[in-house]
Amino acid sequence: MTQGSGVGMNVVGSIPNNLVRRPTAASIARPSARLLGAVVITAAALLSTPISFASAEPCPDVEVVFARGTGEPAGVGGVGQAFVDSLRSQVGTRSVGVYGVNYAASGDFGSSDFPRTFVEGIRDESNHVQSMASNCPNTKMVLGGYSQGAAVTGFATAAAVPQGVPSSLVPAPMPPGVADHVAAVALFGKPSAQWLQAYGAPPIVIGPLYAAKTIDLCIPDDTICNGAPGGSPNIAHALYAVNGMVGQAAAFTASHL
């Protein structure tokens, strides 16, 4: 190191002073500013670019695919979360993944756009379940839904497109083999055929491959699911997260895993 430094000093010392360009504050500032700018731009790009960790995560032992109720924020909703929490407490050390069906859960039933947003939910759930069955074949899926979400999940299990519904407008039924990857289906406050009829919608028919592993819960006074004609929900429709039924559904589900 000492010898190398000496050679460097001798070389510099042999160059005339008028040929040696000494650094100025401006010349130092320019590259420093460029470097700082590059760092800021790079950091901004990293912060603004979504980073997916899904590929690094192992497939869960169990995955709950849940469609939230009307008007609930994106995710699984209050009933869905209560169900997930109860299920986790009953499955021991098994890992439980969660997927909230991606759809609007709109309450504007009279809108001409409502059928499209509803079908989007069926399509998203169907696509996700089929993807999980293919990519995580050992994961046991649990399908669920509350209120409008129970209708989404119910139709997603159907073995055929409902009569009178153009097949070109809705997703095709899931392949039969997918049912082997679904351990249970839990539905809360599923709209009755009478309620749906008032809005011109077909009844929900759970597919035969899913029927035996489905628990379909309705509070007796809940007018959405108890057979009353169409109308606004009453207070009973809002009690599923607190009346013990999520625990009942979780126990049923755990027994099928």
Protein backbone atom coordinates (compact mmCIF):
# COMPACT_ATOMS: atom_id res chain seq x y z
CA MET A 1 0.00 0.00 0.00
CA THR A 2 2.82 2.46 0.90
CA GLN A 3 4.72 1.78 -2.29
CA GLY A 4 1.65 2.19 -4.43
CA SER A 5 0.78 5.49 -2.81
CA GLY A 6 4.29 6.80 -3.43
CA VAL A 7 4.12 6.02 -7.13
CA GLY A 8 0.83 7.85 -7.37
CA MET A 9 2.26 10.93 -5.71
CA ASN A 10 5.30 10.96 -8.00
CA VAL A 11 3.12 10.79 -11.10
CA VAL A 12 0.92 13.64 -9.96
CA GLY A 13 3.93 15.64 -8.91
CA SER A 14 5.46 15.36 -12.40
CA ILE A 15 2.46 16.96 -14.11
CA PRO A 16 2.50 20.74 -14.50
CA ASN A 17 0.11 22.60 -12.26
CA ASN A 18 -1.79 24.15 -15.17
CA LEU A 19 -2.70 20.65 -16.44
CA VAL A 20 -4.01 19.35 -13.14
CA ARG A 21 -7.79 19.85 -12.84
CA ARG A 22 -8.58 20.23 -9.20
CA PRO A 23 -12.13 19.41 -8.08
CA THR A 24 -14.41 22.34 -7.38
CA ALA A 25 -17.57 22.46 -5.33
CA ALA A 26 -19.65 22.60 -8.50
CA SER A 27 -17.94 19.60 -10.09
CA ILE A 28 -18.50 17.56 -6.94
CA ALA A 29 -22.11 18.67 -6.62
CA ARG A 30 -23.07 17.66 -10.18
CA PRO A 31 -22.39 13.91 -9.88
CA SER A 32 -23.67 13.93 -6.31
CA ALA A 33 -26.94 15.44 -7.47
CA ARG A 34 -27.18 12.87 -10.29
CA LEU A 35 -26.52 10.05 -7.83
CA LEU A 36 -29.09 11.40 -5.41
CA GLY A 37 -31.62 11.73 -8.21
CA ALA A 38 -31.01 8.13 -9.30
CA VAL A 39 -31.49 6.91 -5.74
CA VAL A 40 -34.73 8.86 -5.36
CA ILE A 41 -36.09 7.60 -8.70
CA THR A 42 -35.14 4.03 -7.89
CA ALA A 43 -36.74 4.21 -4.45
CA ALA A 44 -39.90 5.72 -5.90
CA ALA A 45 -40.09 2.96 -8.48
CA LEU A 46 -39.74 0.31 -5.82
CA LEU A 47 -42.43 1.89 -3.66
CA SER A 48 -44.86 2.32 -6.55
CA THR A 49 -44.40 -1.16 -8.02
CA PRO A 50 -46.50 -3.93 -6.46
CA ILE A 51 -44.36 -6.78 -5.21
CA SER A 52 -45.92 -10.23 -5.14
CA PHE A 53 -44.87 -12.70 -2.51
CA ALA A 54 -47.41 -15.35 -3.50
CA SER A 55 -44.88 -17.49 -5.35
CA ALA A 56 -42.69 -17.68 -2.24
CA GLU A 57 -45.52 -18.74 0.06
CA PRO A 58 -46.27 -22.45 0.42
CA CYS A 59 -49.77 -23.72 -0.30
CA PRO A 60 -51.85 -23.63 2.91
CA ASP A 61 -53.27 -26.79 4.43
CA VAL A 62 -56.72 -25.20 4.26
CA GLU A 63 -58.01 -22.20 2.33
CA VAL A 64 -61.28 -20.39 2.98
CA VAL A 65 -62.74 -18.79 -0.15
CA PHE A 66 -65.45 -16.44 1.10
CA ALA A 67 -67.81 -14.01 -0.66
CA ARG A 68 -68.81 -11.09 1.56
CA GLY A 69 -72.29 -9.70 1.96
CA THR A 70 -73.94 -6.69 0.34
CA GLY A 71 -72.24 -3.39 1.07
CA GLU A 72 -69.36 -4.86 3.08
CA PRO A 73 -65.85 -3.55 2.33
CA ALA A 74 -63.50 -5.61 0.17
CA GLY A 75 -62.26 -8.78 1.80
CA VAL A 76 -64.32 -11.48 3.52
CA GLY A 77 -66.57 -9.16 5.54
CA GLY A 78 -67.63 -9.40 9.19
CA VAL A 79 -69.36 -12.78 9.01
CA GLY A 80 -66.55 -14.20 6.90
CA GLN A 81 -63.88 -13.08 9.34
CA ALA A 82 -65.80 -14.44 12.33
CA PHE A 83 -66.09 -17.77 10.51
CA VAL A 84 -62.37 -17.83 9.66
CA ASP A 85 -61.42 -17.01 13.25
CA SER A 86 -63.64 -19.77 14.61
CA LEU A 87 -62.34 -22.29 12.08
CA ARG A 88 -58.72 -21.49 12.89
CA SER A 89 -59.40 -22.24 16.54
CA GLN A 90 -60.64 -25.71 15.59
CA VAL A 91 -58.03 -26.99 13.13
CA GLY A 92 -54.99 -27.22 15.39
CA THR A 93 -51.65 -26.51 13.77
CA ARG A 94 -52.91 -26.62 10.19
CA SER A 95 -52.35 -23.40 8.24
CA VAL A 96 -55.44 -21.57 7.02
CA GLY A 97 -55.26 -19.26 4.02
CA VAL A 98 -58.03 -16.80 3.17
CA TYR A 99 -59.30 -15.46 -0.16
CA GLY A 100 -61.99 -12.81 -0.36
CA VAL A 101 -63.98 -13.13 -3.57
CA ASN A 102 -63.36 -10.06 -5.70
CA TYR A 103 -66.69 -8.49 -6.65
CA ALA A 104 -68.65 -5.30 -5.99
CA ALA A 105 -71.19 -6.70 -3.47
CA SER A 106 -73.44 -3.88 -4.67
CA GLY A 107 -76.73 -3.11 -2.99
CA ASP A 108 -78.18 -1.40 -6.06
CA PHE A 109 -80.31 -4.39 -7.08
CA GLY A 110 -82.39 -2.31 -9.50
CA SER A 111 -79.39 -1.14 -11.50
CA SER A 112 -78.95 -2.47 -15.02
CA ASP A 113 -75.31 -3.05 -14.09
CA PHE A 114 -76.07 -5.20 -11.04
CA PRO A 115 -76.29 -8.56 -12.86
CA ARG A 116 -72.85 -7.98 -14.38
CA THR A 117 -71.24 -7.24 -11.01
CA PHE A 118 -72.91 -10.28 -9.47
CA VAL A 119 -71.73 -12.59 -12.25
CA GLU A 120 -68.23 -11.16 -11.83
CA GLY A 121 -68.28 -12.59 -8.31
CA ILE A 122 -69.26 -16.06 -9.54
CA ARG A 123 -66.57 -15.88 -12.21
CA ASP A 124 -63.86 -14.73 -9.80
CA GLU A 125 -64.70 -17.44 -7.26
CA SER A 126 -64.87 -20.15 -9.89
CA ASN A 127 -61.55 -19.09 -11.44
CA HIS A 128 -59.80 -18.93 -8.08
CA VAL A 129 -61.06 -22.32 -6.93
CA GLN A 130 -59.98 -23.95 -10.18
CA SER A 131 -56.57 -22.27 -9.97
CA MET A 132 -56.06 -23.50 -6.42
CA ALA A 133 -57.11 -27.02 -7.36
CA SER A 134 -54.48 -27.00 -10.10
CA ASN A 135 -51.64 -25.21 -8.32
CA CYS A 136 -52.20 -26.41 -4.73
CA PRO A 137 -53.77 -29.85 -5.17
CA ASN A 138 -53.20 -30.85 -1.54
CA THR A 139 -54.93 -27.79 -0.11
CA LYS A 140 -58.44 -28.45 1.20
CA MET A 141 -60.70 -25.59 0.21
CA VAL A 142 -63.70 -24.29 2.12
CA LEU A 143 -66.18 -22.20 0.15
CA GLY A 144 -68.39 -19.76 1.98
CA GLY A 145 -70.57 -16.73 1.66
CA TYR A 146 -72.95 -14.45 3.49
CA SER A 147 -76.14 -12.89 2.09
CA GLN A 148 -75.44 -11.87 -1.53
CA GLY A 149 -72.10 -13.64 -1.14
CA ALA A 150 -73.91 -16.87 -0.21
CA ALA A 151 -75.75 -16.58 -3.53
CA VAL A 152 -72.44 -16.05 -5.36
CA THR A 153 -70.94 -19.16 -3.77
CA GLY A 154 -74.11 -21.18 -4.24
CA PHE A 155 -74.20 -20.47 -7.95
CA ALA A 156 -70.45 -21.15 -8.21
CA THR A 157 -71.10 -24.74 -7.09
CA ALA A 158 -73.93 -25.31 -9.58
CA ALA A 159 -73.67 -28.27 -11.93
CA ALA A 160 -75.52 -26.44 -14.72
CA VAL A 161 -76.30 -22.92 -15.83
CA PRO A 162 -79.73 -21.98 -14.38
CA GLN A 163 -82.65 -22.34 -16.76
CA GLY A 164 -83.41 -19.16 -18.66
CA VAL A 165 -79.92 -17.68 -18.14
CA PRO A 166 -77.91 -17.29 -21.38
CA SER A 167 -74.83 -19.49 -21.01
CA SER A 168 -72.77 -16.93 -22.91
CA LEU A 169 -73.22 -14.42 -20.08
CA VAL A 170 -72.12 -16.57 -17.14
CA PRO A 171 -69.12 -18.78 -16.38
CA ALA A 172 -69.40 -22.46 -17.20
CA PRO A 173 -69.86 -24.81 -14.25
CA MET A 174 -66.62 -25.91 -12.61
CA PRO A 175 -65.25 -29.28 -13.81
CA PRO A 176 -66.44 -32.18 -11.62
CA GLY A 177 -62.91 -32.98 -10.46
CA VAL A 178 -62.64 -29.61 -8.71
CA ALA A 179 -65.18 -30.76 -6.12
CA ASP A 180 -62.62 -33.27 -4.82
CA HIS A 181 -60.52 -30.31 -3.60
CA VAL A 182 -63.42 -28.67 -1.72
CA ALA A 183 -63.90 -30.08 1.76
CA ALA A 184 -66.93 -28.04 2.82
CA VAL A 185 -69.27 -25.20 1.89
CA ALA A 186 -70.66 -22.81 4.54
CA LEU A 187 -73.50 -20.46 3.66
CA PHE A 188 -75.09 -17.82 5.89
CA GLY A 189 -78.38 -16.07 5.09
CA LYS A 190 -78.55 -17.39 1.51
CA PRO A 191 -81.39 -15.65 -0.39
CA SER A 192 -84.40 -17.93 -0.71
CA ALA A 193 -86.03 -18.85 -4.02
CA GLN A 194 -89.01 -16.65 -3.06
CA TRP A 195 -86.79 -13.65 -2.36
CA LEU A 196 -84.86 -14.11 -5.60
CA GLN A 197 -88.05 -14.53 -7.62
CA ALA A 198 -89.15 -11.04 -6.63
CA TYR A 199 -86.11 -9.73 -8.50
CA GLY A 200 -86.41 -12.06 -11.47
CA ALA A 201 -83.44 -14.20 -10.44
CA PRO A 202 -83.38 -18.01 -10.62
CA PRO A 203 -83.26 -20.14 -7.47
CA ILE A 204 -79.89 -21.28 -6.14
CA VAL A 205 -79.29 -24.99 -6.58
CA ILE A 206 -76.18 -26.34 -4.87
CA GLY A 207 -74.42 -28.77 -7.18
CA PRO A 208 -74.84 -32.45 -6.26
CA LEU A 209 -71.07 -32.86 -5.81
CA TYR A 210 -71.16 -30.18 -3.08
CA ALA A 211 -74.57 -30.71 -1.46
CA ALA A 212 -73.53 -33.34 1.10
CA LYS A 213 -70.68 -31.17 2.37
CA THR A 214 -72.70 -27.94 2.57
CA ILE A 215 -74.07 -26.32 5.71
CA ASP A 216 -76.76 -23.78 4.83
CA LEU A 217 -77.68 -21.65 7.85
CA CYS A 218 -80.68 -19.33 8.12
CA ILE A 219 -81.88 -17.54 11.24
CA PRO A 220 -85.63 -18.32 11.41
CA ASP A 221 -86.65 -14.65 11.44
CA ASP A 222 -84.30 -13.67 8.60
CA THR A 223 -86.61 -12.61 5.76
CA ILE A 224 -83.84 -12.88 3.17
CA CYS A 225 -83.53 -16.64 3.58
CA ASN A 226 -86.70 -17.86 5.37
CA GLY A 227 -88.98 -17.84 2.33
CA ALA A 228 -90.51 -14.39 2.71
CA PRO A 229 -91.01 -12.45 -0.55
CA GLY A 230 -88.39 -9.91 -1.61
CA GLY A 231 -87.74 -6.89 0.54
CA SER A 232 -85.16 -5.18 2.68
CA PRO A 233 -83.28 -7.25 5.26
CA ASN A 234 -84.38 -7.11 8.88
CA ILE A 235 -82.27 -7.12 12.04
CA ALA A 236 -82.08 -10.92 12.11
CA HIS A 237 -80.09 -10.87 8.87
CA ALA A 238 -77.31 -8.99 10.65
CA LEU A 239 -76.82 -11.43 13.54
CA TYR A 240 -74.85 -14.31 12.01
CA ALA A 241 -71.50 -13.14 13.34
CA VAL A 242 -72.76 -13.03 16.92
CA ASN A 243 -75.50 -15.68 17.34
CA GLY A 244 -73.25 -18.75 17.39
CA MET A 245 -73.85 -19.88 13.82
CA VAL A 246 -70.30 -19.13 12.66
CA GLY A 247 -69.07 -21.51 15.36
CA GLN A 248 -71.60 -24.11 14.22
CA ALA A 249 -70.44 -23.78 10.62
CA ALA A 250 -66.79 -23.90 11.66
CA ALA A 251 -67.36 -27.12 13.63
CA PHE A 252 -69.12 -28.67 10.62
CA THR A 253 -66.27 -27.58 8.35
CA ALA A 254 -63.54 -28.85 10.69
CA SER A 255 -65.22 -32.25 10.77
CA HIS A 256 -64.95 -32.43 6.98
CA LEU A 257 -61.28 -31.48 6.69
